[in-house]
C-alpha atoms as a PDB file:
ATOM      1  CA  UNK A   1     -38.600 -22.277  11.741  1.00  0.00           C
ATOM      2  CA  UNK A   2     -35.907 -24.618  10.438  1.00  0.00           C
ATOM      3  CA  UNK A   3     -34.477 -21.859   8.315  1.00  0.00           C
ATOM      4  CA  UNK A   4     -33.936 -19.620  11.331  1.00  0.00           C
ATOM      5  CA  UNK A   5     -32.182 -22.440  13.142  1.00  0.00           C
ATOM      6  CA  UNK A   6     -29.690 -22.874  10.281  1.00  0.00           C
ATOM      7  CA  UNK A   7     -28.984 -19.169  10.022  1.00  0.00           C
ATOM      8  CA  UNK A   8     -28.494 -18.774  13.751  1.00  0.00           C
ATOM      9  CA  UNK A   9     -25.294 -20.859  13.623  1.00  0.00           C
ATOM     10  CA  UNK A  10     -23.767 -18.878  10.773  1.00  0.00           C
ATOM     11  CA  UNK A  11     -20.687 -16.935  11.616  1.00  0.00           C
ATOM     12  CA  UNK A  12     -21.081 -13.212  11.149  1.00  0.00           C
ATOM     13  CA  UNK A  13     -18.933 -11.497   8.563  1.00  0.00           C
ATOM     14  CA  UNK A  14     -16.071  -9.547  10.007  1.00  0.00           C
ATOM     15  CA  UNK A  15     -15.850  -5.846   9.151  1.00  0.00           C
ATOM     16  CA  UNK A  16     -13.083  -4.328   7.083  1.00  0.00           C
ATOM     17  CA  UNK A  17     -10.226  -2.627   8.895  1.00  0.00           C
ATOM     18  CA  UNK A  18     -10.138   1.063   8.045  1.00  0.00           C
ATOM     19  CA  UNK A  19      -6.378   1.305   8.569  1.00  0.00           C
ATOM     20  CA  UNK A  20      -5.824  -1.599   6.192  1.00  0.00           C
ATOM     21  CA  UNK A  21      -8.076  -0.046   3.549  1.00  0.00           C
ATOM     22  CA  UNK A  22      -6.166   3.220   3.858  1.00  0.00           C
ATOM     23  CA  UNK A  23      -2.914   1.265   3.559  1.00  0.00           C
ATOM     24  CA  UNK A  24      -4.156  -0.447   0.416  1.00  0.00           C
ATOM     25  CA  UNK A  25      -5.251   2.864  -1.085  1.00  0.00           C
ATOM     26  CA  UNK A  26      -2.054   4.741  -0.265  1.00  0.00           C
ATOM     27  CA  UNK A  27       0.119   1.826  -1.398  1.00  0.00           C
ATOM     28  CA  UNK A  28      -1.765   1.484  -4.686  1.00  0.00           C
ATOM     29  CA  UNK A  29      -1.650   5.247  -5.290  1.00  0.00           C
ATOM     30  CA  UNK A  30       2.071   5.225  -4.564  1.00  0.00           C
ATOM     31  CA  UNK A  31       2.600   2.400  -7.050  1.00  0.00           C
ATOM     32  CA  UNK A  32       0.589   4.243  -9.719  1.00  0.00           C
ATOM     33  CA  UNK A  33       2.703   7.350  -9.185  1.00  0.00           C
ATOM     34  CA  UNK A  34       5.854   5.200  -9.262  1.00  0.00           C
ATOM     35  CA  UNK A  35       4.934   3.879 -12.689  1.00  0.00           C
ATOM     36  CA  UNK A  36       3.962   7.367 -13.844  1.00  0.00           C
ATOM     37  CA  UNK A  37       7.228   8.890 -12.642  1.00  0.00           C
ATOM     38  CA  UNK A  38       9.224   6.106 -14.276  1.00  0.00           C
ATOM     39  CA  UNK A  39       7.386   6.747 -17.535  1.00  0.00           C
ATOM     40  CA  UNK A  40       8.033  10.489 -17.175  1.00  0.00           C
ATOM     41  CA  UNK A  41      11.734   9.872 -16.518  1.00  0.00           C
ATOM     42  CA  UNK A  42      11.976   7.535 -19.507  1.00  0.00           C
ATOM     43  CA  UNK A  43      10.323  10.056 -21.829  1.00  0.00           C
ATOM     44  CA  UNK A  44      12.555  12.938 -20.719  1.00  0.00           C
ATOM     45  CA  UNK A  45      15.790  10.972 -20.731  1.00  0.00           C
ATOM     46  CA  UNK A  46      16.140  11.062 -16.952  1.00  0.00           C
ATOM     47  CA  UNK A  47      15.818  14.837 -16.670  1.00  0.00           C
ATOM     48  CA  UNK A  48      12.924  15.108 -14.270  1.00  0.00           C
ATOM     49  CA  UNK A  49      12.105  18.279 -12.431  1.00  0.00           C
ATOM     50  CA  UNK A  50      12.516  19.009  -8.760  1.00  0.00           C
ATOM     51  CA  UNK A  51       8.748  18.803  -8.273  1.00  0.00           C
ATOM     52  CA  UNK A  52       8.630  15.200  -9.505  1.00  0.00           C
ATOM     53  CA  UNK A  53      11.589  14.339  -7.283  1.00  0.00           C
ATOM     54  CA  UNK A  54       9.928  15.910  -4.252  1.00  0.00           C
ATOM     55  CA  UNK A  55       6.655  14.145  -4.998  1.00  0.00           C
ATOM     56  CA  UNK A  56       8.458  10.805  -5.227  1.00  0.00           C
ATOM     57  CA  UNK A  57      10.007  11.324  -1.793  1.00  0.00           C
ATOM     58  CA  UNK A  58       6.579  12.184  -0.376  1.00  0.00           C
ATOM     59  CA  UNK A  59       5.108   9.032  -1.978  1.00  0.00           C
ATOM     60  CA  UNK A  60       7.898   6.949  -0.468  1.00  0.00           C
ATOM     61  CA  UNK A  61       7.285   8.370   3.014  1.00  0.00           C
ATOM     62  CA  UNK A  62       3.506   7.940   2.603  1.00  0.00           C
ATOM     63  CA  UNK A  63       4.007   4.284   1.646  1.00  0.00           C
ATOM     64  CA  UNK A  64       6.165   3.738   4.735  1.00  0.00           C
ATOM     65  CA  UNK A  65       3.535   5.344   6.983  1.00  0.00           C
ATOM     66  CA  UNK A  66       0.786   3.237   5.367  1.00  0.00           C
ATOM     67  CA  UNK A  67       2.854   0.097   5.891  1.00  0.00           C
ATOM     68  CA  UNK A  68       3.383   0.887   9.575  1.00  0.00           C
ATOM     69  CA  UNK A  69      -0.313   1.694  10.137  1.00  0.00           C
ATOM     70  CA  UNK A  70      -1.436  -1.492   8.381  1.00  0.00           C
ATOM     71  CA  UNK A  71       1.166  -3.584  10.207  1.00  0.00           C
ATOM     72  CA  UNK A  72      -0.320  -2.505  13.531  1.00  0.00           C
ATOM     73  CA  UNK A  73      -3.643  -4.073  12.437  1.00  0.00           C
ATOM     74  CA  UNK A  74      -2.210  -7.493  11.549  1.00  0.00           C
ATOM     75  CA  UNK A  75      -2.996  -9.147  14.887  1.00  0.00           C
ATOM     76  CA  UNK A  76      -6.467  -7.684  15.355  1.00  0.00           C
ATOM     77  CA  UNK A  77      -8.804 -10.662  14.932  1.00  0.00           C
ATOM     78  CA  UNK A  78     -11.919  -8.467  14.900  1.00  0.00           C
ATOM     79  CA  UNK A  79     -11.397  -7.578  11.233  1.00  0.00           C
ATOM     80  CA  UNK A  80     -11.331  -9.493   7.956  1.00  0.00           C
ATOM     81  CA  UNK A  81      -8.013 -11.296   7.402  1.00  0.00           C
ATOM     82  CA  UNK A  82      -7.864 -10.708   3.642  1.00  0.00           C
ATOM     83  CA  UNK A  83      -7.889  -6.967   4.107  1.00  0.00           C
ATOM     84  CA  UNK A  84      -5.416  -7.097   6.982  1.00  0.00           C
ATOM     85  CA  UNK A  85      -2.930  -9.060   4.873  1.00  0.00           C
ATOM     86  CA  UNK A  86      -3.412  -7.046   1.690  1.00  0.00           C
ATOM     87  CA  UNK A  87      -3.098  -3.875   3.766  1.00  0.00           C
ATOM     88  CA  UNK A  88       0.438  -4.993   4.554  1.00  0.00           C
ATOM     89  CA  UNK A  89       1.406  -6.451   1.176  1.00  0.00           C
ATOM     90  CA  UNK A  90       0.455  -3.526  -1.086  1.00  0.00           C
ATOM     91  CA  UNK A  91       2.385  -0.830   0.824  1.00  0.00           C
ATOM     92  CA  UNK A  92       5.292  -3.255   1.310  1.00  0.00           C
ATOM     93  CA  UNK A  93       5.570  -3.685  -2.460  1.00  0.00           C
ATOM     94  CA  UNK A  94       5.434   0.100  -2.893  1.00  0.00           C
ATOM     95  CA  UNK A  95       8.158   0.616  -0.273  1.00  0.00           C
ATOM     96  CA  UNK A  96      10.275  -2.079  -1.920  1.00  0.00           C
ATOM     97  CA  UNK A  97       9.971  -0.447  -5.358  1.00  0.00           C
ATOM     98  CA  UNK A  98      10.840   3.009  -4.034  1.00  0.00           C
ATOM     99  CA  UNK A  99      13.728   1.601  -1.985  1.00  0.00           C
ATOM    100  CA  UNK A 100      15.168  -0.241  -4.959  1.00  0.00           C
ATOM    101  CA  UNK A 101      14.891   2.909  -7.057  1.00  0.00           C
ATOM    102  CA  UNK A 102      16.728   5.000  -4.452  1.00  0.00           C
ATOM    103  CA  UNK A 103      19.419   2.355  -3.940  1.00  0.00           C
ATOM    104  CA  UNK A 104      19.998   2.179  -7.699  1.00  0.00           C
ATOM    105  CA  UNK A 105      20.191   5.985  -7.785  1.00  0.00           C
ATOM    106  CA  UNK A 106      22.765   6.047  -4.995  1.00  0.00           C
ATOM    107  CA  UNK A 107      24.885   3.300  -6.571  1.00  0.00           C
ATOM    108  CA  UNK A 108      24.815   4.814 -10.076  1.00  0.00           C
ATOM    109  CA  UNK A 109      25.406   8.409  -8.966  1.00  0.00           C
END
């Protein structure tokens, strides 16, 4: 009986936000492709194909969309805070890396 009384006051765990999990996944995948494309560019001396360039633009746009979707979830208190915050941070880092790469490309070219 006493055990049930203690457990009745426990706060229930909050569920994970699906949009934040998608943001984390897309942001992480974008970062993995960023590192892969940088490695590919370093191995070929900067001569990457049009397909790799197109894929990098798509990854950049996908990271921006993931950041916007995850940012919309930041104020929703019904979901776990750790996932809401990491759903914003991971795509933001991916967008920052892609942005820096494109800015460097514009300045150098």
